[in-house]
Amino acid sequence: MNINILKSKIHRATITMANLNYIGSIAIDEDLMEAANLIENEKVEIFNINNGERLATYVIKGTRGSGIISLNGAAARKAMAGDLIIIVSYATMDFEEAKKFKPSIVFPDSNNQIK
């Protein structure tokens, strides 16, 4: 039996910009992507702490060390600069493997730098 389990989480990142006219996605600082074990084009769910909005999109690389967290395209309607969000992704794995799996969880500071 396979189940979906938490693979990656960036907890309380700060939106730095929302770009309605971009094609889509969420741009995440490459340092945060690596720390959270996220890859480009991976599906993620976004939970906006400020307004309760939830959405799904995909990851694109943001400039390393910049602290960028940018919601793009239609998703830009769901958040504004300064909002706190949680970014999560899941993996599907065998039930026994899932019992032993440890997700990558990152707690960035207010500038989206790794603490």
PDB file of N, CA and C in Angstrom:
ATOM      1  N   MET A   1       0.845  -1.185   0.000  1.00  0.00           N
ATOM      2  CA  MET A   1       0.000   0.000   0.000  1.00  0.00           C
ATOM      3  C   MET A   1       0.889   1.246   0.000  1.00  0.00           C
ATOM      4  N   ASN A   2       0.555   2.203  -0.842  1.00  0.00           N
ATOM      5  CA  ASN A   2       1.260   3.483  -0.890  1.00  0.00           C
ATOM      6  C   ASN A   2       0.409   4.567  -0.250  1.00  0.00           C
ATOM      7  N   ILE A   3       1.081   5.508   0.397  1.00  0.00           N
ATOM      8  CA  ILE A   3       0.390   6.655   0.984  1.00  0.00           C
ATOM      9  C   ILE A   3       1.147   7.932   0.644  1.00  0.00           C
ATOM     10  N   ASN A   4       0.453   9.065   0.720  1.00  0.00           N
ATOM     11  CA  ASN A   4       1.081  10.377   0.523  1.00  0.00           C
ATOM     12  C   ASN A   4       1.495  10.905   1.879  1.00  0.00           C
ATOM     13  N   ILE A   5       2.740  11.388   1.976  1.00  0.00           N
ATOM     14  CA  ILE A   5       3.210  11.939   3.232  1.00  0.00           C
ATOM     15  C   ILE A   5       4.009  13.219   2.987  1.00  0.00           C
ATOM     16  N   LEU A   6       4.103  14.032   4.022  1.00  0.00           N
ATOM     17  CA  LEU A   6       4.845  15.289   3.918  1.00  0.00           C
ATOM     18  C   LEU A   6       6.294  14.999   3.546  1.00  0.00           C
ATOM     19  N   LYS A   7       6.785  15.652   2.479  1.00  0.00           N
ATOM     20  CA  LYS A   7       8.176  15.514   2.050  1.00  0.00           C
ATOM     21  C   LYS A   7       8.990  16.744   2.419  1.00  0.00           C
ATOM     22  N   SER A   8       8.412  17.924   2.177  1.00  0.00           N
ATOM     23  CA  SER A   8       9.135  19.183   2.351  1.00  0.00           C
ATOM     24  C   SER A   8       8.205  20.240   2.915  1.00  0.00           C
ATOM     25  N   LYS A   9       8.776  21.120   3.748  1.00  0.00           N
ATOM     26  CA  LYS A   9       7.972  22.214   4.303  1.00  0.00           C
ATOM     27  C   LYS A   9       8.871  23.419   4.562  1.00  0.00           C
ATOM     28  N   ILE A  10       8.424  24.575   4.087  1.00  0.00           N
ATOM     29  CA  ILE A  10       9.042  25.854   4.451  1.00  0.00           C
ATOM     30  C   ILE A  10       7.989  26.567   5.280  1.00  0.00           C
ATOM     31  N   HIS A  11       8.272  26.738   6.565  1.00  0.00           N
ATOM     32  CA  HIS A  11       7.281  27.222   7.525  1.00  0.00           C
ATOM     33  C   HIS A  11       7.463  28.713   7.813  1.00  0.00           C
ATOM     34  N   ARG A  12       6.438  29.501   7.513  1.00  0.00           N
ATOM     35  CA  ARG A  12       6.394  30.934   7.785  1.00  0.00           C
ATOM     36  C   ARG A  12       7.403  31.730   6.951  1.00  0.00           C
ATOM     37  N   ALA A  13       7.399  31.461   5.647  1.00  0.00           N
ATOM     38  CA  ALA A  13       8.166  32.297   4.720  1.00  0.00           C
ATOM     39  C   ALA A  13       7.364  33.567   4.459  1.00  0.00           C
ATOM     40  N   THR A  14       8.055  34.629   4.099  1.00  0.00           N
ATOM     41  CA  THR A  14       7.408  35.915   3.830  1.00  0.00           C
ATOM     42  C   THR A  14       7.352  36.163   2.326  1.00  0.00           C
ATOM     43  N   ILE A  15       6.154  36.444   1.812  1.00  0.00           N
ATOM     44  CA  ILE A  15       6.010  36.798   0.396  1.00  0.00           C
ATOM     45  C   ILE A  15       6.754  38.112   0.154  1.00  0.00           C
ATOM     46  N   THR A  16       7.649  38.118  -0.837  1.00  0.00           N
ATOM     47  CA  THR A  16       8.389  39.340  -1.163  1.00  0.00           C
ATOM     48  C   THR A  16       7.760  40.087  -2.335  1.00  0.00           C
ATOM     49  N   MET A  17       7.026  39.359  -3.181  1.00  0.00           N
ATOM     50  CA  MET A  17       6.333  40.008  -4.287  1.00  0.00           C
ATOM     51  C   MET A  17       5.260  39.081  -4.847  1.00  0.00           C
ATOM     52  N   ALA A  18       4.308  39.684  -5.536  1.00  0.00           N
ATOM     53  CA  ALA A  18       3.258  38.949  -6.240  1.00  0.00           C
ATOM     54  C   ALA A  18       3.166  39.555  -7.633  1.00  0.00           C
ATOM     55  N   ASN A  19       3.418  38.734  -8.646  1.00  0.00           N
ATOM     56  CA  ASN A  19       3.518  39.219 -10.020  1.00  0.00           C
ATOM     57  C   ASN A  19       2.398  38.610 -10.866  1.00  0.00           C
ATOM     58  N   LEU A  20       1.294  39.312 -10.969  1.00  0.00           N
ATOM     59  CA  LEU A  20       0.116  38.830 -11.685  1.00  0.00           C
ATOM     60  C   LEU A  20       0.400  38.548 -13.161  1.00  0.00           C
ATOM     61  N   ASN A  21       1.293  39.289 -13.776  1.00  0.00           N
ATOM     62  CA  ASN A  21       1.524  39.175 -15.214  1.00  0.00           C
ATOM     63  C   ASN A  21       2.569  38.145 -15.610  1.00  0.00           C
ATOM     64  N   TYR A  22       3.112  37.416 -14.633  1.00  0.00           N
ATOM     65  CA  TYR A  22       4.059  36.342 -14.942  1.00  0.00           C
ATOM     66  C   TYR A  22       3.274  35.088 -15.290  1.00  0.00           C
ATOM     67  N   ILE A  23       3.885  34.159 -15.981  1.00  0.00           N
ATOM     68  CA  ILE A  23       3.181  32.988 -16.501  1.00  0.00           C
ATOM     69  C   ILE A  23       2.592  32.077 -15.416  1.00  0.00           C
ATOM     70  N   GLY A  24       3.120  32.070 -14.234  1.00  0.00           N
ATOM     71  CA  GLY A  24       2.607  31.220 -13.158  1.00  0.00           C
ATOM     72  C   GLY A  24       3.719  30.802 -12.232  1.00  0.00           C
ATOM     73  N   SER A  25       3.398  30.049 -11.192  1.00  0.00           N
ATOM     74  CA  SER A  25       4.387  29.443 -10.313  1.00  0.00           C
ATOM     75  C   SER A  25       4.633  30.216  -9.025  1.00  0.00           C
ATOM     76  N   ILE A  26       5.570  29.680  -8.232  1.00  0.00           N
ATOM     77  CA  ILE A  26       6.123  30.387  -7.083  1.00  0.00           C
ATOM     78  C   ILE A  26       7.639  30.337  -7.220  1.00  0.00           C
ATOM     79  N   ALA A  27       8.276  31.494  -7.208  1.00  0.00           N
ATOM     80  CA  ALA A  27       9.735  31.569  -7.229  1.00  0.00           C
ATOM     81  C   ALA A  27      10.215  31.501  -5.783  1.00  0.00           C
ATOM     82  N   ILE A  28      11.143  30.578  -5.525  1.00  0.00           N
ATOM     83  CA  ILE A  28      11.683  30.382  -4.178  1.00  0.00           C
ATOM     84  C   ILE A  28      13.199  30.487  -4.249  1.00  0.00           C
ATOM     85  N   ASP A  29      13.780  31.267  -3.345  1.00  0.00           N
ATOM     86  CA  ASP A  29      15.234  31.379  -3.223  1.00  0.00           C
ATOM     87  C   ASP A  29      15.838  29.970  -3.295  1.00  0.00           C
ATOM     88  N   GLU A  30      16.824  29.803  -4.157  1.00  0.00           N
ATOM     89  CA  GLU A  30      17.428  28.488  -4.362  1.00  0.00           C
ATOM     90  C   GLU A  30      18.021  27.901  -3.079  1.00  0.00           C
ATOM     91  N   ASP A  31      18.508  28.735  -2.168  1.00  0.00           N
ATOM     92  CA  ASP A  31      19.000  28.224  -0.878  1.00  0.00           C
ATOM     93  C   ASP A  31      17.876  27.553  -0.095  1.00  0.00           C
ATOM     94  N   LEU A  32      16.701  28.178  -0.087  1.00  0.00           N
ATOM     95  CA  LEU A  32      15.550  27.591   0.606  1.00  0.00           C
ATOM     96  C   LEU A  32      15.091  26.315  -0.088  1.00  0.00           C
ATOM     97  N   MET A  33      15.101  26.321  -1.416  1.00  0.00           N
ATOM     98  CA  MET A  33      14.720  25.113  -2.154  1.00  0.00           C
ATOM     99  C   MET A  33      15.599  23.938  -1.756  1.00  0.00           C
ATOM    100  N   GLU A  34      16.903  24.148  -1.742  1.00  0.00           N
ATOM    101  CA  GLU A  34      17.825  23.066  -1.396  1.00  0.00           C
ATOM    102  C   GLU A  34      17.629  22.606   0.039  1.00  0.00           C
ATOM    103  N   ALA A  35      17.486  23.548   0.958  1.00  0.00           N
ATOM    104  CA  ALA A  35      17.318  23.194   2.368  1.00  0.00           C
ATOM    105  C   ALA A  35      16.039  22.392   2.600  1.00  0.00           C
ATOM    106  N   ALA A  36      15.005  22.692   1.818  1.00  0.00           N
ATOM    107  CA  ALA A  36      13.716  22.013   1.973  1.00  0.00           C
ATOM    108  C   ALA A  36      13.579  20.797   1.052  1.00  0.00           C
ATOM    109  N   ASN A  37      14.612  20.514   0.267  1.00  0.00           N
ATOM    110  CA  ASN A  37      14.583  19.369  -0.641  1.00  0.00           C
ATOM    111  C   ASN A  37      13.485  19.515  -1.704  1.00  0.00           C
ATOM    112  N   LEU A  38      13.367  20.713  -2.254  1.00  0.00           N
ATOM    113  CA  LEU A  38      12.426  20.987  -3.341  1.00  0.00           C
ATOM    114  C   LEU A  38      13.198  21.121  -4.648  1.00  0.00           C
ATOM    115  N   ILE A  39      12.571  20.719  -5.751  1.00  0.00           N
ATOM    116  CA  ILE A  39      13.206  20.877  -7.056  1.00  0.00           C
ATOM    117  C   ILE A  39      12.322  21.720  -7.972  1.00  0.00           C
ATOM    118  N   GLU A  40      12.954  22.256  -9.004  1.00  0.00           N
ATOM    119  CA  GLU A  40      12.216  23.078  -9.960  1.00  0.00           C
ATOM    120  C   GLU A  40      11.100  22.258 -10.616  1.00  0.00           C
ATOM    121  N   ASN A  41       9.956  22.879 -10.788  1.00  0.00           N
ATOM    122  CA  ASN A  41       8.749  22.295 -11.385  1.00  0.00           C
ATOM    123  C   ASN A  41       7.989  21.351 -10.459  1.00  0.00           C
ATOM    124  N   GLU A  42       8.460  21.184  -9.231  1.00  0.00           N
ATOM    125  CA  GLU A  42       7.745  20.329  -8.275  1.00  0.00           C
ATOM    126  C   GLU A  42       6.437  20.997  -7.852  1.00  0.00           C
ATOM    127  N   LYS A  43       5.390  20.208  -7.752  1.00  0.00           N
ATOM    128  CA  LYS A  43       4.101  20.722  -7.279  1.00  0.00           C
ATOM    129  C   LYS A  43       4.190  21.000  -5.783  1.00  0.00           C
ATOM    130  N   VAL A  44       3.681  22.163  -5.385  1.00  0.00           N
ATOM    131  CA  VAL A  44       3.630  22.530  -3.969  1.00  0.00           C
ATOM    132  C   VAL A  44       2.250  23.080  -3.636  1.00  0.00           C
ATOM    133  N   GLU A  45       1.919  23.002  -2.371  1.00  0.00           N
ATOM    134  CA  GLU A  45       0.728  23.667  -1.867  1.00  0.00           C
ATOM    135  C   GLU A  45       1.177  24.841  -1.019  1.00  0.00           C
ATOM    136  N   ILE A  46       0.438  25.931  -1.114  1.00  0.00           N
ATOM    137  CA  ILE A  46       0.738  27.165  -0.392  1.00  0.00           C
ATOM    138  C   ILE A  46      -0.426  27.444   0.545  1.00  0.00           C
ATOM    139  N   PHE A  47      -0.117  27.702   1.810  1.00  0.00           N
ATOM    140  CA  PHE A  47      -1.126  28.076   2.801  1.00  0.00           C
ATOM    141  C   PHE A  47      -0.792  29.479   3.285  1.00  0.00           C
ATOM    142  N   ASN A  48      -1.679  30.438   3.034  1.00  0.00           N
ATOM    143  CA  ASN A  48      -1.449  31.820   3.439  1.00  0.00           C
ATOM    144  C   ASN A  48      -1.924  31.989   4.878  1.00  0.00           C
ATOM    145  N   ILE A  49      -1.000  32.266   5.781  1.00  0.00           N
ATOM    146  CA  ILE A  49      -1.320  32.416   7.200  1.00  0.00           C
ATOM    147  C   ILE A  49      -2.158  33.670   7.435  1.00  0.00           C
ATOM    148  N   ASN A  50      -1.912  34.720   6.663  1.00  0.00           N
ATOM    149  CA  ASN A  50      -2.616  35.988   6.874  1.00  0.00           C
ATOM    150  C   ASN A  50      -4.090  35.945   6.513  1.00  0.00           C
ATOM    151  N   ASN A  51      -4.425  35.261   5.407  1.00  0.00           N
ATOM    152  CA  ASN A  51      -5.822  35.318   4.954  1.00  0.00           C
ATOM    153  C   ASN A  51      -6.501  33.958   4.801  1.00  0.00           C
ATOM    154  N   GLY A  52      -5.786  32.883   5.083  1.00  0.00           N
ATOM    155  CA  GLY A  52      -6.382  31.553   5.023  1.00  0.00           C
ATOM    156  C   GLY A  52      -6.469  30.939   3.635  1.00  0.00           C
ATOM    157  N   GLU A  53      -6.031  31.661   2.604  1.00  0.00           N
ATOM    158  CA  GLU A  53      -6.078  31.121   1.237  1.00  0.00           C
ATOM    159  C   GLU A  53      -5.168  29.899   1.114  1.00  0.00           C
ATOM    160  N   ARG A  54      -5.581  28.968   0.274  1.00  0.00           N
ATOM    161  CA  ARG A  54      -4.793  27.777  -0.035  1.00  0.00           C
ATOM    162  C   ARG A  54      -4.773  27.612  -1.547  1.00  0.00           C
ATOM    163  N   LEU A  55      -3.636  27.195  -2.089  1.00  0.00           N
ATOM    164  CA  LEU A  55      -3.545  26.987  -3.524  1.00  0.00           C
ATOM    165  C   LEU A  55      -2.428  26.013  -3.841  1.00  0.00           C
ATOM    166  N   ALA A  56      -2.474  25.490  -5.042  1.00  0.00           N
ATOM    167  CA  ALA A  56      -1.417  24.616  -5.540  1.00  0.00           C
ATOM    168  C   ALA A  56      -0.775  25.280  -6.747  1.00  0.00           C
ATOM    169  N   THR A  57       0.539  25.125  -6.865  1.00  0.00           N
ATOM    170  CA  THR A  57       1.282  25.649  -8.004  1.00  0.00           C
ATOM    171  C   THR A  57       2.560  24.829  -8.136  1.00  0.00           C
ATOM    172  N   TYR A  58       3.531  25.328  -8.887  1.00  0.00           N
ATOM    173  CA  TYR A  58       4.803  24.631  -9.054  1.00  0.00           C
ATOM    174  C   TYR A  58       5.950  25.599  -8.779  1.00  0.00           C
ATOM    175  N   VAL A  59       7.106  25.033  -8.467  1.00  0.00           N
ATOM    176  CA  VAL A  59       8.278  25.805  -8.045  1.00  0.00           C
ATOM    177  C   VAL A  59       9.150  26.191  -9.239  1.00  0.00           C
ATOM    178  N   ILE A  60       9.637  27.435  -9.215  1.00  0.00           N
ATOM    179  CA  ILE A  60      10.743  27.837 -10.083  1.00  0.00           C
ATOM    180  C   ILE A  60      11.841  28.404  -9.187  1.00  0.00           C
ATOM    181  N   LYS A  61      13.077  28.324  -9.687  1.00  0.00           N
ATOM    182  CA  LYS A  61      14.218  28.799  -8.902  1.00  0.00           C
ATOM    183  C   LYS A  61      14.226  30.313  -8.823  1.00  0.00           C
ATOM    184  N   GLY A  62      14.405  30.804  -7.588  1.00  0.00           N
ATOM    185  CA  GLY A  62      14.645  32.216  -7.365  1.00  0.00           C
ATOM    186  C   GLY A  62      16.132  32.430  -7.131  1.00  0.00           C
ATOM    187  N   THR A  63      16.593  33.637  -7.280  1.00  0.00           N
ATOM    188  CA  THR A  63      18.012  33.946  -7.117  1.00  0.00           C
ATOM    189  C   THR A  63      18.510  33.505  -5.749  1.00  0.00           C
ATOM    190  N   ARG A  64      19.605  32.737  -5.769  1.00  0.00           N
ATOM    191  CA  ARG A  64      20.198  32.206  -4.541  1.00  0.00           C
ATOM    192  C   ARG A  64      20.600  33.342  -3.600  1.00  0.00           C
ATOM    193  N   GLY A  65      20.208  33.216  -2.327  1.00  0.00           N
ATOM    194  CA  GLY A  65      20.580  34.185  -1.306  1.00  0.00           C
ATOM    195  C   GLY A  65      19.739  35.446  -1.295  1.00  0.00           C
ATOM    196  N   SER A  66      18.795  35.558  -2.221  1.00  0.00           N
ATOM    197  CA  SER A  66      17.998  36.786  -2.339  1.00  0.00           C
ATOM    198  C   SER A  66      16.835  36.851  -1.355  1.00  0.00           C
ATOM    199  N   GLY A  67      16.393  35.694  -0.871  1.00  0.00           N
ATOM    200  CA  GLY A  67      15.220  35.652   0.001  1.00  0.00           C
ATOM    201  C   GLY A  67      13.909  35.748  -0.753  1.00  0.00           C
ATOM    202  N   ILE A  68      13.961  35.677  -2.084  1.00  0.00           N
ATOM    203  CA  ILE A  68      12.731  35.840  -2.869  1.00  0.00           C
ATOM    204  C   ILE A  68      11.727  34.716  -2.618  1.00  0.00           C
ATOM    205  N   ILE A  69      10.504  35.113  -2.409  1.00  0.00           N
ATOM    206  CA  ILE A  69       9.330  34.236  -2.416  1.00  0.00           C
ATOM    207  C   ILE A  69       8.279  35.020  -3.199  1.00  0.00           C
ATOM    208  N   SER A  70       8.097  34.658  -4.465  1.00  0.00           N
ATOM    209  CA  SER A  70       7.208  35.418  -5.346  1.00  0.00           C
ATOM    210  C   SER A  70       6.108  34.530  -5.895  1.00  0.00           C
ATOM    211  N   LEU A  71       4.866  34.859  -5.580  1.00  0.00           N
ATOM    212  CA  LEU A  71       3.725  34.178  -6.192  1.00  0.00           C
ATOM    213  C   LEU A  71       3.459  34.840  -7.535  1.00  0.00           C
ATOM    214  N   ASN A  72       3.315  34.020  -8.571  1.00  0.00           N
ATOM    215  CA  ASN A  72       3.212  34.531  -9.928  1.00  0.00           C
ATOM    216  C   ASN A  72       1.931  34.078 -10.615  1.00  0.00           C
ATOM    217  N   GLY A  73       1.516  34.839 -11.611  1.00  0.00           N
ATOM    218  CA  GLY A  73       0.326  34.502 -12.375  1.00  0.00           C
ATOM    219  C   GLY A  73      -0.923  34.616 -11.521  1.00  0.00           C
ATOM    220  N   ALA A  74      -1.903  33.763 -11.790  1.00  0.00           N
ATOM    221  CA  ALA A  74      -3.184  33.823 -11.076  1.00  0.00           C
ATOM    222  C   ALA A  74      -3.004  33.705  -9.564  1.00  0.00           C
ATOM    223  N   ALA A  75      -1.992  32.967  -9.122  1.00  0.00           N
ATOM    224  CA  ALA A  75      -1.737  32.797  -7.687  1.00  0.00           C
ATOM    225  C   ALA A  75      -1.443  34.124  -6.995  1.00  0.00           C
ATOM    226  N   ALA A  76      -0.988  35.110  -7.757  1.00  0.00           N
ATOM    227  CA  ALA A  76      -0.673  36.418  -7.179  1.00  0.00           C
ATOM    228  C   ALA A  76      -1.902  37.080  -6.561  1.00  0.00           C
ATOM    229  N   ARG A  77      -3.091  36.641  -6.956  1.00  0.00           N
ATOM    230  CA  ARG A  77      -4.332  37.179  -6.374  1.00  0.00           C
ATOM    231  C   ARG A  77      -4.568  36.665  -4.955  1.00  0.00           C
ATOM    232  N   LYS A  78      -3.821  35.630  -4.551  1.00  0.00           N
ATOM    233  CA  LYS A  78      -4.061  34.962  -3.272  1.00  0.00           C
ATOM    234  C   LYS A  78      -3.176  35.463  -2.134  1.00  0.00           C
ATOM    235  N   ALA A  79      -2.229  36.358  -2.435  1.00  0.00           N
ATOM    236  CA  ALA A  79      -1.310  36.851  -1.404  1.00  0.00           C
ATOM    237  C   ALA A  79      -0.736  38.190  -1.833  1.00  0.00           C
ATOM    238  N   MET A  80      -0.183  38.896  -0.865  1.00  0.00           N
ATOM    239  CA  MET A  80       0.494  40.147  -1.163  1.00  0.00           C
ATOM    240  C   MET A  80       1.821  40.187  -0.414  1.00  0.00           C
ATOM    241  N   ALA A  81       2.715  41.052  -0.858  1.00  0.00           N
ATOM    242  CA  ALA A  81       4.016  41.178  -0.207  1.00  0.00           C
ATOM    243  C   ALA A  81       3.817  41.403   1.285  1.00  0.00           C
ATOM    244  N   GLY A  82       4.588  40.672   2.069  1.00  0.00           N
ATOM    245  CA  GLY A  82       4.502  40.765   3.524  1.00  0.00           C
ATOM    246  C   GLY A  82       3.696  39.652   4.162  1.00  0.00           C
ATOM    247  N   ASP A  83       2.844  38.971   3.378  1.00  0.00           N
ATOM    248  CA  ASP A  83       2.075  37.853   3.934  1.00  0.00           C
ATOM    249  C   ASP A  83       3.003  36.712   4.327  1.00  0.00           C
ATOM    250  N   LEU A  84       2.651  36.028   5.401  1.00  0.00           N
ATOM    251  CA  LEU A  84       3.368  34.825   5.820  1.00  0.00           C
ATOM    252  C   LEU A  84       2.680  33.614   5.212  1.00  0.00           C
ATOM    253  N   ILE A  85       3.493  32.692   4.695  1.00  0.00           N
ATOM    254  CA  ILE A  85       2.941  31.489   4.081  1.00  0.00           C
ATOM    255  C   ILE A  85       3.672  30.241   4.557  1.00  0.00           C
ATOM    256  N   ILE A  86       3.034  29.110   4.330  1.00  0.00           N
ATOM    257  CA  ILE A  86       3.641  27.800   4.520  1.00  0.00           C
ATOM    258  C   ILE A  86       3.645  27.138   3.147  1.00  0.00           C
ATOM    259  N   ILE A  87       4.786  26.575   2.765  1.00  0.00           N
ATOM    260  CA  ILE A  87       4.937  25.891   1.483  1.00  0.00           C
ATOM    261  C   ILE A  87       5.185  24.417   1.785  1.00  0.00           C
ATOM    262  N   VAL A  88       4.382  23.522   1.208  1.00  0.00           N
ATOM    263  CA  VAL A  88       4.557  22.089   1.463  1.00  0.00           C
ATOM    264  C   VAL A  88       4.526  21.298   0.160  1.00  0.00           C
ATOM    265  N   SER A  89       5.231  20.172   0.179  1.00  0.00           N
ATOM    266  CA  SER A  89       5.105  19.191  -0.899  1.00  0.00           C
ATOM    267  C   SER A  89       5.013  17.814  -0.256  1.00  0.00           C
ATOM    268  N   TYR A  90       4.487  16.893  -1.028  1.00  0.00           N
ATOM    269  CA  TYR A  90       4.244  15.543  -0.525  1.00  0.00           C
ATOM    270  C   TYR A  90       4.927  14.532  -1.429  1.00  0.00           C
ATOM    271  N   ALA A  91       5.157  13.334  -0.899  1.00  0.00           N
ATOM    272  CA  ALA A  91       5.707  12.231  -1.678  1.00  0.00           C
ATOM    273  C   ALA A  91       4.821  11.012  -1.471  1.00  0.00           C
ATOM    274  N   THR A  92       4.760  10.176  -2.475  1.00  0.00           N
ATOM    275  CA  THR A  92       4.032   8.918  -2.371  1.00  0.00           C
ATOM    276  C   THR A  92       5.050   7.811  -2.155  1.00  0.00           C
ATOM    277  N   MET A  93       4.834   7.019  -1.123  1.00  0.00           N
ATOM    278  CA  MET A  93       5.758   5.927  -0.835  1.00  0.00           C
ATOM    279  C   MET A  93       5.042   4.776  -0.157  1.00  0.00           C
ATOM    280  N   ASP A  94       5.746   3.679  -0.111  1.00  0.00           N
ATOM    281  CA  ASP A  94       5.244   2.494   0.565  1.00  0.00           C
ATOM    282  C   ASP A  94       4.986   2.802   2.041  1.00  0.00           C
ATOM    283  N   PHE A  95       3.947   2.211   2.586  1.00  0.00           N
ATOM    284  CA  PHE A  95       3.539   2.477   3.963  1.00  0.00           C
ATOM    285  C   PHE A  95       4.681   2.253   4.955  1.00  0.00           C
ATOM    286  N   GLU A  96       5.407   1.168   4.822  1.00  0.00           N
ATOM    287  CA  GLU A  96       6.506   0.873   5.762  1.00  0.00           C
ATOM    288  C   GLU A  96       7.646   1.876   5.602  1.00  0.00           C
ATOM    289  N   GLU A  97       7.955   2.247   4.377  1.00  0.00           N
ATOM    290  CA  GLU A  97       8.984   3.261   4.125  1.00  0.00           C
ATOM    291  C   GLU A  97       8.552   4.598   4.727  1.00  0.00           C
ATOM    292  N   ALA A  98       7.290   4.918   4.593  1.00  0.00           N
ATOM    293  CA  ALA A  98       6.759   6.186   5.105  1.00  0.00           C
ATOM    294  C   ALA A  98       6.895   6.289   6.619  1.00  0.00           C
ATOM    295  N   LYS A  99       6.789   5.177   7.318  1.00  0.00           N
ATOM    296  CA  LYS A  99       6.924   5.186   8.785  1.00  0.00           C
ATOM    297  C   LYS A  99       8.302   5.669   9.222  1.00  0.00           C
ATOM    298  N   LYS A 100       9.315   5.435   8.385  1.00  0.00           N
ATOM    299  CA  LYS A 100      10.699   5.790   8.729  1.00  0.00           C
ATOM    300  C   LYS A 100      11.147   7.116   8.119  1.00  0.00           C
ATOM    301  N   PHE A 101      10.373   7.622   7.178  1.00  0.00           N
ATOM    302  CA  PHE A 101      10.763   8.815   6.430  1.00  0.00           C
ATOM    303  C   PHE A 101      10.716  10.065   7.309  1.00  0.00           C
ATOM    304  N   LYS A 102      11.710  10.933   7.153  1.00  0.00           N
ATOM    305  CA  LYS A 102      11.762  12.214   7.865  1.00  0.00           C
ATOM    306  C   LYS A 102      11.693  13.347   6.844  1.00  0.00           C
ATOM    307  N   PRO A 103      10.669  14.185   6.918  1.00  0.00           N
ATOM    308  CA  PRO A 103      10.558  15.295   5.967  1.00  0.00           C
ATOM    309  C   PRO A 103      11.619  16.368   6.222  1.00  0.00           C
ATOM    310  N   SER A 104      11.897  17.155   5.200  1.00  0.00           N
ATOM    311  CA  SER A 104      12.791  18.314   5.326  1.00  0.00           C
ATOM    312  C   SER A 104      11.929  19.519   5.690  1.00  0.00           C
ATOM    313  N   ILE A 105      12.192  20.098   6.855  1.00  0.00           N
ATOM    314  CA  ILE A 105      11.411  21.242   7.332  1.00  0.00           C
ATOM    315  C   ILE A 105      12.356  22.402   7.603  1.00  0.00           C
ATOM    316  N   VAL A 106      12.037  23.561   7.032  1.00  0.00           N
ATOM    317  CA  VAL A 106      12.882  24.749   7.126  1.00  0.00           C
ATOM    318  C   VAL A 106      12.086  25.871   7.791  1.00  0.00           C
ATOM    319  N   PHE A 107      12.745  26.592   8.691  1.00  0.00           N
ATOM    320  CA  PHE A 107      12.141  27.728   9.393  1.00  0.00           C
ATOM    321  C   PHE A 107      12.933  28.992   9.058  1.00  0.00           C
ATOM    322  N   PRO A 108      12.598  29.667   7.949  1.00  0.00           N
ATOM    323  CA  PRO A 108      13.354  30.869   7.579  1.00  0.00           C
ATOM    324  C   PRO A 108      13.067  32.028   8.532  1.00  0.00           C
ATOM    325  N   ASP A 109      14.002  32.981   8.567  1.00  0.00           N
ATOM    326  CA  ASP A 109      13.778  34.187   9.367  1.00  0.00           C
ATOM    327  C   ASP A 109      12.886  35.154   8.583  1.00  0.00           C
ATOM    328  N   SER A 110      12.699  36.349   9.098  1.00  0.00           N
ATOM    329  CA  SER A 110      11.785  37.315   8.467  1.00  0.00           C
ATOM    330  C   SER A 110      12.277  37.814   7.103  1.00  0.00           C
ATOM    331  N   ASN A 111      13.553  37.555   6.780  1.00  0.00           N
ATOM    332  CA  ASN A 111      14.108  37.907   5.468  1.00  0.00           C
ATOM    333  C   ASN A 111      14.232  36.688   4.557  1.00  0.00           C
ATOM    334  N   ASN A 112      13.579  35.597   4.946  1.00  0.00           N
ATOM    335  CA  ASN A 112      13.614  34.337   4.200  1.00  0.00           C
ATOM    336  C   ASN A 112      15.014  33.747   4.095  1.00  0.00           C
ATOM    337  N   GLN A 113      15.800  33.978   5.114  1.00  0.00           N
ATOM    338  CA  GLN A 113      17.114  33.358   5.201  1.00  0.00           C
ATOM    339  C   GLN A 113      17.019  32.186   6.177  1.00  0.00           C
ATOM    340  N   ILE A 114      17.852  31.185   5.967  1.00  0.00           N
ATOM    341  CA  ILE A 114      17.812  29.996   6.812  1.00  0.00           C
ATOM    342  C   ILE A 114      18.419  30.305   8.166  1.00  0.00           C
ATOM    343  N   LYS A 115      17.655  29.969   9.202  1.00  0.00           N
ATOM    344  CA  LYS A 115      18.111  30.228  10.579  1.00  0.00           C
ATOM    345  C   LYS A 115      19.210  29.275  10.974  1.00  0.00           C
TER     346      LYS A 115
END
